[in-house]
Amino acid sequence: MSVGIDSAQILEELKNLLANQNNVRLLSIEDAAKEVGIGLNSFRKIANKKDFPIVKLNAKKLVIMADLPKWFSEHRGEKLC
């Protein structure tokens, strides 16, 4: 009998684990775009920048919300998308 891996459950457990350590919040690209107030298409383009604060779990990209203010500050004045 093989045991299947539920990636959604692993993702939730990872989020919970990280959230309980140093108050790290990870949001999907969609949720982060809503919270920041940037359109989804523009946010996706920005999130593809090499140094953008994301972690990848399989095909899922999660934004490290605590690092966003610093990242945007470092890119102030740049055309991002």
PDB file of N, CA and C in Angstrom:
ATOM      1  N   MET A   1       0.854  -1.185   0.000  1.00  0.00           N
ATOM      2  CA  MET A   1       0.000   0.000   0.000  1.00  0.00           C
ATOM      3  C   MET A   1       0.889   1.234   0.000  1.00  0.00           C
ATOM      4  N   SER A   2       0.660   2.135  -0.938  1.00  0.00           N
ATOM      5  CA  SER A   2       1.449   3.357  -0.981  1.00  0.00           C
ATOM      6  C   SER A   2       0.679   4.492  -0.322  1.00  0.00           C
ATOM      7  N   VAL A   3       1.422   5.392   0.244  1.00  0.00           N
ATOM      8  CA  VAL A   3       0.823   6.544   0.902  1.00  0.00           C
ATOM      9  C   VAL A   3       1.009   7.748  -0.005  1.00  0.00           C
ATOM     10  N   GLY A   4      -0.095   8.334  -0.425  1.00  0.00           N
ATOM     11  CA  GLY A   4      -0.023   9.518  -1.283  1.00  0.00           C
ATOM     12  C   GLY A   4       0.334  10.748  -0.475  1.00  0.00           C
ATOM     13  N   ILE A   5       1.030  11.656  -1.107  1.00  0.00           N
ATOM     14  CA  ILE A   5       1.399  12.906  -0.456  1.00  0.00           C
ATOM     15  C   ILE A   5       0.398  13.970  -0.880  1.00  0.00           C
ATOM     16  N   ASP A   6      -0.249  14.559   0.082  1.00  0.00           N
ATOM     17  CA  ASP A   6      -1.199  15.627  -0.174  1.00  0.00           C
ATOM     18  C   ASP A   6      -0.443  16.952  -0.120  1.00  0.00           C
ATOM     19  N   SER A   7      -0.109  17.500  -1.293  1.00  0.00           N
ATOM     20  CA  SER A   7       0.703  18.711  -1.332  1.00  0.00           C
ATOM     21  C   SER A   7      -0.017  19.896  -0.698  1.00  0.00           C
ATOM     22  N   ALA A   8      -1.332  19.945  -0.777  1.00  0.00           N
ATOM     23  CA  ALA A   8      -2.070  21.043  -0.146  1.00  0.00           C
ATOM     24  C   ALA A   8      -1.911  20.994   1.372  1.00  0.00           C
ATOM     25  N   GLN A   9      -1.945  19.785   1.921  1.00  0.00           N
ATOM     26  CA  GLN A   9      -1.774  19.631   3.360  1.00  0.00           C
ATOM     27  C   GLN A   9      -0.345  19.990   3.768  1.00  0.00           C
ATOM     28  N   ILE A  10       0.629  19.578   2.976  1.00  0.00           N
ATOM     29  CA  ILE A  10       2.019  19.920   3.266  1.00  0.00           C
ATOM     30  C   ILE A  10       2.213  21.428   3.208  1.00  0.00           C
ATOM     31  N   LEU A  11       1.601  22.070   2.226  1.00  0.00           N
ATOM     32  CA  LEU A  11       1.693  23.516   2.092  1.00  0.00           C
ATOM     33  C   LEU A  11       1.114  24.212   3.317  1.00  0.00           C
ATOM     34  N   GLU A  12      -0.045  23.772   3.766  1.00  0.00           N
ATOM     35  CA  GLU A  12      -0.662  24.360   4.953  1.00  0.00           C
ATOM     36  C   GLU A  12       0.209  24.155   6.189  1.00  0.00           C
ATOM     37  N   GLU A  13       0.771  22.965   6.334  1.00  0.00           N
ATOM     38  CA  GLU A  13       1.632  22.695   7.478  1.00  0.00           C
ATOM     39  C   GLU A  13       2.887  23.553   7.432  1.00  0.00           C
ATOM     40  N   LEU A  14       3.448  23.746   6.230  1.00  0.00           N
ATOM     41  CA  LEU A  14       4.615  24.601   6.078  1.00  0.00           C
ATOM     42  C   LEU A  14       4.276  26.041   6.434  1.00  0.00           C
ATOM     43  N   LYS A  15       3.145  26.527   5.956  1.00  0.00           N
ATOM     44  CA  LYS A  15       2.711  27.883   6.289  1.00  0.00           C
ATOM     45  C   LYS A  15       2.559  28.042   7.802  1.00  0.00           C
ATOM     46  N   ASN A  16       1.897  27.068   8.417  1.00  0.00           N
ATOM     47  CA  ASN A  16       1.681  27.135   9.865  1.00  0.00           C
ATOM     48  C   ASN A  16       2.996  27.090  10.626  1.00  0.00           C
ATOM     49  N   LEU A  17       3.889  26.218  10.217  1.00  0.00           N
ATOM     50  CA  LEU A  17       5.181  26.103  10.874  1.00  0.00           C
ATOM     51  C   LEU A  17       5.959  27.412  10.773  1.00  0.00           C
ATOM     52  N   LEU A  18       6.027  27.979   9.583  1.00  0.00           N
ATOM     53  CA  LEU A  18       6.757  29.222   9.389  1.00  0.00           C
ATOM     54  C   LEU A  18       6.062  30.394  10.069  1.00  0.00           C
ATOM     55  N   ALA A  19       4.755  30.395  10.086  1.00  0.00           N
ATOM     56  CA  ALA A  19       4.016  31.478  10.725  1.00  0.00           C
ATOM     57  C   ALA A  19       4.259  31.500  12.224  1.00  0.00           C
ATOM     58  N   ASN A  20       4.502  30.353  12.809  1.00  0.00           N
ATOM     59  CA  ASN A  20       4.746  30.272  14.240  1.00  0.00           C
ATOM     60  C   ASN A  20       6.190  30.583  14.608  1.00  0.00           C
ATOM     61  N   GLN A  21       7.047  30.720  13.622  1.00  0.00           N
ATOM     62  CA  GLN A  21       8.441  31.058  13.862  1.00  0.00           C
ATOM     63  C   GLN A  21       8.702  32.438  13.291  1.00  0.00           C
ATOM     64  N   ASN A  22       8.942  33.387  14.151  1.00  0.00           N
ATOM     65  CA  ASN A  22       9.266  34.753  13.741  1.00  0.00           C
ATOM     66  C   ASN A  22       8.145  35.435  12.951  1.00  0.00           C
ATOM     67  N   ASN A  23       6.919  34.993  13.138  1.00  0.00           N
ATOM     68  CA  ASN A  23       5.762  35.622  12.498  1.00  0.00           C
ATOM     69  C   ASN A  23       5.896  35.759  10.984  1.00  0.00           C
ATOM     70  N   VAL A  24       6.434  34.757  10.324  1.00  0.00           N
ATOM     71  CA  VAL A  24       6.571  34.767   8.875  1.00  0.00           C
ATOM     72  C   VAL A  24       5.208  34.492   8.254  1.00  0.00           C
ATOM     73  N   ARG A  25       4.800  35.373   7.350  1.00  0.00           N
ATOM     74  CA  ARG A  25       3.537  35.177   6.626  1.00  0.00           C
ATOM     75  C   ARG A  25       3.858  34.885   5.180  1.00  0.00           C
ATOM     76  N   LEU A  26       3.300  33.823   4.672  1.00  0.00           N
ATOM     77  CA  LEU A  26       3.451  33.456   3.269  1.00  0.00           C
ATOM     78  C   LEU A  26       2.084  33.539   2.619  1.00  0.00           C
ATOM     79  N   LEU A  27       2.002  34.275   1.522  1.00  0.00           N
ATOM     80  CA  LEU A  27       0.742  34.391   0.802  1.00  0.00           C
ATOM     81  C   LEU A  27       0.932  33.991  -0.648  1.00  0.00           C
ATOM     82  N   SER A  28      -0.119  33.490  -1.242  1.00  0.00           N
ATOM     83  CA  SER A  28      -0.092  33.198  -2.674  1.00  0.00           C
ATOM     84  C   SER A  28       0.092  34.516  -3.431  1.00  0.00           C
ATOM     85  N   ILE A  29       0.482  34.416  -4.682  1.00  0.00           N
ATOM     86  CA  ILE A  29       0.633  35.598  -5.525  1.00  0.00           C
ATOM     87  C   ILE A  29      -0.683  36.386  -5.558  1.00  0.00           C
ATOM     88  N   GLU A  30      -1.786  35.677  -5.687  1.00  0.00           N
ATOM     89  CA  GLU A  30      -3.097  36.318  -5.771  1.00  0.00           C
ATOM     90  C   GLU A  30      -3.425  37.081  -4.499  1.00  0.00           C
ATOM     91  N   ASP A  31      -3.238  36.428  -3.343  1.00  0.00           N
ATOM     92  CA  ASP A  31      -3.553  37.070  -2.065  1.00  0.00           C
ATOM     93  C   ASP A  31      -2.611  38.231  -1.769  1.00  0.00           C
ATOM     94  N   ALA A  32      -1.343  38.077  -2.102  1.00  0.00           N
ATOM     95  CA  ALA A  32      -0.378  39.152  -1.877  1.00  0.00           C
ATOM     96  C   ALA A  32      -0.711  40.367  -2.742  1.00  0.00           C
ATOM     97  N   ALA A  33      -1.101  40.133  -3.988  1.00  0.00           N
ATOM     98  CA  ALA A  33      -1.476  41.240  -4.878  1.00  0.00           C
ATOM     99  C   ALA A  33      -2.655  42.012  -4.299  1.00  0.00           C
ATOM    100  N   LYS A  34      -3.649  41.295  -3.790  1.00  0.00           N
ATOM    101  CA  LYS A  34      -4.810  41.951  -3.178  1.00  0.00           C
ATOM    102  C   LYS A  34      -4.390  42.776  -1.970  1.00  0.00           C
ATOM    103  N   GLU A  35      -3.558  42.188  -1.118  1.00  0.00           N
ATOM    104  CA  GLU A  35      -3.158  42.877   0.107  1.00  0.00           C
ATOM    105  C   GLU A  35      -2.334  44.126  -0.187  1.00  0.00           C
ATOM    106  N   VAL A  36      -1.476  44.049  -1.184  1.00  0.00           N
ATOM    107  CA  VAL A  36      -0.613  45.182  -1.534  1.00  0.00           C
ATOM    108  C   VAL A  36      -1.387  46.227  -2.337  1.00  0.00           C
ATOM    109  N   GLY A  37      -2.415  45.789  -3.051  1.00  0.00           N
ATOM    110  CA  GLY A  37      -3.213  46.713  -3.842  1.00  0.00           C
ATOM    111  C   GLY A  37      -2.683  46.920  -5.249  1.00  0.00           C
ATOM    112  N   ILE A  38      -2.042  45.889  -5.786  1.00  0.00           N
ATOM    113  CA  ILE A  38      -1.515  45.919  -7.143  1.00  0.00           C
ATOM    114  C   ILE A  38      -2.301  44.897  -7.956  1.00  0.00           C
ATOM    115  N   GLY A  39      -2.585  45.214  -9.202  1.00  0.00           N
ATOM    116  CA  GLY A  39      -3.307  44.280 -10.068  1.00  0.00           C
ATOM    117  C   GLY A  39      -2.554  42.966 -10.196  1.00  0.00           C
ATOM    118  N   LEU A  40      -3.298  41.908 -10.379  1.00  0.00           N
ATOM    119  CA  LEU A  40      -2.707  40.565 -10.404  1.00  0.00           C
ATOM    120  C   LEU A  40      -1.677  40.405 -11.520  1.00  0.00           C
ATOM    121  N   ASN A  41      -1.990  40.857 -12.720  1.00  0.00           N
ATOM    122  CA  ASN A  41      -1.036  40.703 -13.818  1.00  0.00           C
ATOM    123  C   ASN A  41       0.257  41.461 -13.547  1.00  0.00           C
ATOM    124  N   SER A  42       0.144  42.680 -13.043  1.00  0.00           N
ATOM    125  CA  SER A  42       1.340  43.465 -12.714  1.00  0.00           C
ATOM    126  C   SER A  42       2.132  42.798 -11.589  1.00  0.00           C
ATOM    127  N   PHE A  43       1.419  42.301 -10.585  1.00  0.00           N
ATOM    128  CA  PHE A  43       2.113  41.669  -9.458  1.00  0.00           C
ATOM    129  C   PHE A  43       2.849  40.406  -9.913  1.00  0.00           C
ATOM    130  N   ARG A  44       2.247  39.653 -10.816  1.00  0.00           N
ATOM    131  CA  ARG A  44       2.918  38.446 -11.331  1.00  0.00           C
ATOM    132  C   ARG A  44       4.212  38.804 -12.052  1.00  0.00           C
ATOM    133  N   LYS A  45       4.189  39.887 -12.843  1.00  0.00           N
ATOM    134  CA  LYS A  45       5.404  40.331 -13.523  1.00  0.00           C
ATOM    135  C   LYS A  45       6.476  40.718 -12.512  1.00  0.00           C
ATOM    136  N   ILE A  46       6.069  41.452 -11.485  1.00  0.00           N
ATOM    137  CA  ILE A  46       7.013  41.868 -10.448  1.00  0.00           C
ATOM    138  C   ILE A  46       7.564  40.644  -9.716  1.00  0.00           C
ATOM    139  N   ALA A  47       6.694  39.685  -9.420  1.00  0.00           N
ATOM    140  CA  ALA A  47       7.105  38.489  -8.667  1.00  0.00           C
ATOM    141  C   ALA A  47       8.094  37.625  -9.440  1.00  0.00           C
ATOM    142  N   ASN A  48       8.188  37.828 -10.743  1.00  0.00           N
ATOM    143  CA  ASN A  48       9.146  37.069 -11.548  1.00  0.00           C
ATOM    144  C   ASN A  48      10.549  37.668 -11.523  1.00  0.00           C
ATOM    145  N   LYS A  49      10.716  38.817 -10.879  1.00  0.00           N
ATOM    146  CA  LYS A  49      12.046  39.411 -10.752  1.00  0.00           C
ATOM    147  C   LYS A  49      12.930  38.464  -9.955  1.00  0.00           C
ATOM    148  N   LYS A  50      14.186  38.424 -10.332  1.00  0.00           N
ATOM    149  CA  LYS A  50      15.128  37.457  -9.754  1.00  0.00           C
ATOM    150  C   LYS A  50      15.216  37.544  -8.221  1.00  0.00           C
ATOM    151  N   ASP A  51      15.198  38.745  -7.679  1.00  0.00           N
ATOM    152  CA  ASP A  51      15.414  38.908  -6.242  1.00  0.00           C
ATOM    153  C   ASP A  51      14.123  39.119  -5.449  1.00  0.00           C
ATOM    154  N   PHE A  52      12.978  38.877  -6.091  1.00  0.00           N
ATOM    155  CA  PHE A  52      11.702  39.069  -5.392  1.00  0.00           C
ATOM    156  C   PHE A  52      11.568  38.048  -4.266  1.00  0.00           C
ATOM    157  N   PRO A  53      11.059  38.467  -3.108  1.00  0.00           N
ATOM    158  CA  PRO A  53      11.002  37.574  -1.939  1.00  0.00           C
ATOM    159  C   PRO A  53       9.886  36.517  -2.020  1.00  0.00           C
ATOM    160  N   ILE A  54      10.197  35.424  -2.693  1.00  0.00           N
ATOM    161  CA  ILE A  54       9.255  34.313  -2.766  1.00  0.00           C
ATOM    162  C   ILE A  54       9.970  33.016  -2.429  1.00  0.00           C
ATOM    163  N   VAL A  55       9.185  32.053  -2.041  1.00  0.00           N
ATOM    164  CA  VAL A  55       9.660  30.675  -1.928  1.00  0.00           C
ATOM    165  C   VAL A  55       8.799  29.854  -2.870  1.00  0.00           C
ATOM    166  N   LYS A  56       9.377  28.825  -3.430  1.00  0.00           N
ATOM    167  CA  LYS A  56       8.640  27.961  -4.341  1.00  0.00           C
ATOM    168  C   LYS A  56       8.444  26.605  -3.691  1.00  0.00           C
ATOM    169  N   LEU A  57       7.218  26.141  -3.728  1.00  0.00           N
ATOM    170  CA  LEU A  57       6.878  24.811  -3.240  1.00  0.00           C
ATOM    171  C   LEU A  57       6.197  24.111  -4.402  1.00  0.00           C
ATOM    172  N   ASN A  58       6.951  23.218  -5.040  1.00  0.00           N
ATOM    173  CA  ASN A  58       6.506  22.620  -6.298  1.00  0.00           C
ATOM    174  C   ASN A  58       6.236  23.746  -7.291  1.00  0.00           C
ATOM    175  N   ALA A  59       5.058  23.824  -7.838  1.00  0.00           N
ATOM    176  CA  ALA A  59       4.750  24.880  -8.802  1.00  0.00           C
ATOM    177  C   ALA A  59       4.181  26.128  -8.128  1.00  0.00           C
ATOM    178  N   LYS A  60       3.951  26.051  -6.839  1.00  0.00           N
ATOM    179  CA  LYS A  60       3.324  27.156  -6.099  1.00  0.00           C
ATOM    180  C   LYS A  60       4.372  28.154  -5.626  1.00  0.00           C
ATOM    181  N   LYS A  61       4.130  29.435  -5.887  1.00  0.00           N
ATOM    182  CA  LYS A  61       4.989  30.505  -5.403  1.00  0.00           C
ATOM    183  C   LYS A  61       4.303  31.175  -4.224  1.00  0.00           C
ATOM    184  N   LEU A  62       5.044  31.347  -3.140  1.00  0.00           N
ATOM    185  CA  LEU A  62       4.516  32.007  -1.958  1.00  0.00           C
ATOM    186  C   LEU A  62       5.353  33.239  -1.660  1.00  0.00           C
ATOM    187  N   VAL A  63       4.688  34.354  -1.440  1.00  0.00           N
ATOM    188  CA  VAL A  63       5.361  35.617  -1.187  1.00  0.00           C
ATOM    189  C   VAL A  63       5.668  35.729   0.308  1.00  0.00           C
ATOM    190  N   ILE A  64       6.904  36.093   0.629  1.00  0.00           N
ATOM    191  CA  ILE A  64       7.315  36.327   2.018  1.00  0.00           C
ATOM    192  C   ILE A  64       6.946  37.775   2.338  1.00  0.00           C
ATOM    193  N   MET A  65       5.812  37.951   2.992  1.00  0.00           N
ATOM    194  CA  MET A  65       5.236  39.275   3.177  1.00  0.00           C
ATOM    195  C   MET A  65       6.123  40.204   4.012  1.00  0.00           C
ATOM    196  N   ALA A  66       6.831  39.677   4.972  1.00  0.00           N
ATOM    197  CA  ALA A  66       7.684  40.520   5.820  1.00  0.00           C
ATOM    198  C   ALA A  66       8.817  41.164   5.032  1.00  0.00           C
ATOM    199  N   ASP A  67       9.207  40.556   3.909  1.00  0.00           N
ATOM    200  CA  ASP A  67      10.317  41.081   3.108  1.00  0.00           C
ATOM    201  C   ASP A  67       9.870  42.064   2.029  1.00  0.00           C
ATOM    202  N   LEU A  68       8.569  42.198   1.810  1.00  0.00           N
ATOM    203  CA  LEU A  68       8.078  43.070   0.735  1.00  0.00           C
ATOM    204  C   LEU A  68       8.430  44.545   0.926  1.00  0.00           C
ATOM    205  N   PRO A  69       8.227  45.128   2.108  1.00  0.00           N
ATOM    206  CA  PRO A  69       8.558  46.553   2.240  1.00  0.00           C
ATOM    207  C   PRO A  69      10.016  46.856   1.893  1.00  0.00           C
ATOM    208  N   LYS A  70      10.925  46.031   2.356  1.00  0.00           N
ATOM    209  CA  LYS A  70      12.344  46.236   2.056  1.00  0.00           C
ATOM    210  C   LYS A  70      12.593  46.098   0.556  1.00  0.00           C
ATOM    211  N   TRP A  71      11.993  45.084  -0.072  1.00  0.00           N
ATOM    212  CA  TRP A  71      12.199  44.866  -1.497  1.00  0.00           C
ATOM    213  C   TRP A  71      11.711  46.064  -2.304  1.00  0.00           C
ATOM    214  N   PHE A  72      10.495  46.538  -2.007  1.00  0.00           N
ATOM    215  CA  PHE A  72       9.965  47.690  -2.735  1.00  0.00           C
ATOM    216  C   PHE A  72      10.807  48.938  -2.471  1.00  0.00           C
ATOM    217  N   SER A  73      11.296  49.108  -1.264  1.00  0.00           N
ATOM    218  CA  SER A  73      12.157  50.234  -0.941  1.00  0.00           C
ATOM    219  C   SER A  73      13.453  50.190  -1.752  1.00  0.00           C
ATOM    220  N   GLU A  74      14.031  49.007  -1.879  1.00  0.00           N
ATOM    221  CA  GLU A  74      15.267  48.847  -2.648  1.00  0.00           C
ATOM    222  C   GLU A  74      15.060  49.110  -4.132  1.00  0.00           C
ATOM    223  N   HIS A  75      13.828  48.994  -4.612  1.00  0.00           N
ATOM    224  CA  HIS A  75      13.525  49.176  -6.027  1.00  0.00           C
ATOM    225  C   HIS A  75      12.750  50.458  -6.297  1.00  0.00           C
ATOM    226  N   ARG A  76      12.793  51.361  -5.322  1.00  0.00           N
ATOM    227  CA  ARG A  76      12.087  52.644  -5.456  1.00  0.00           C
ATOM    228  C   ARG A  76      12.610  53.383  -6.684  1.00  0.00           C
ATOM    229  N   GLY A  77      11.686  53.889  -7.473  1.00  0.00           N
ATOM    230  CA  GLY A  77      12.045  54.657  -8.655  1.00  0.00           C
ATOM    231  C   GLY A  77      12.261  53.828  -9.914  1.00  0.00           C
ATOM    232  N   GLU A  78      12.304  52.504  -9.770  1.00  0.00           N
ATOM    233  CA  GLU A  78      12.485  51.631 -10.936  1.00  0.00           C
ATOM    234  C   GLU A  78      11.143  51.336 -11.602  1.00  0.00           C
ATOM    235  N   LYS A  79      11.183  51.130 -12.894  1.00  0.00           N
ATOM    236  CA  LYS A  79       9.987  50.649 -13.590  1.00  0.00           C
ATOM    237  C   LYS A  79       9.960  49.134 -13.390  1.00  0.00           C
ATOM    238  N   LEU A  80       8.972  48.649 -12.654  1.00  0.00           N
ATOM    239  CA  LEU A  80       8.940  47.235 -12.274  1.00  0.00           C
ATOM    240  C   LEU A  80       8.188  46.356 -13.267  1.00  0.00           C
ATOM    241  N   CYS A  81       7.256  46.932 -14.000  1.00  0.00           N
ATOM    242  CA  CYS A  81       6.540  46.116 -14.998  1.00  0.00           C
ATOM    243  C   CYS A  81       6.049  46.988 -16.123  1.00  0.00           C
TER     244      CYS A  81
END
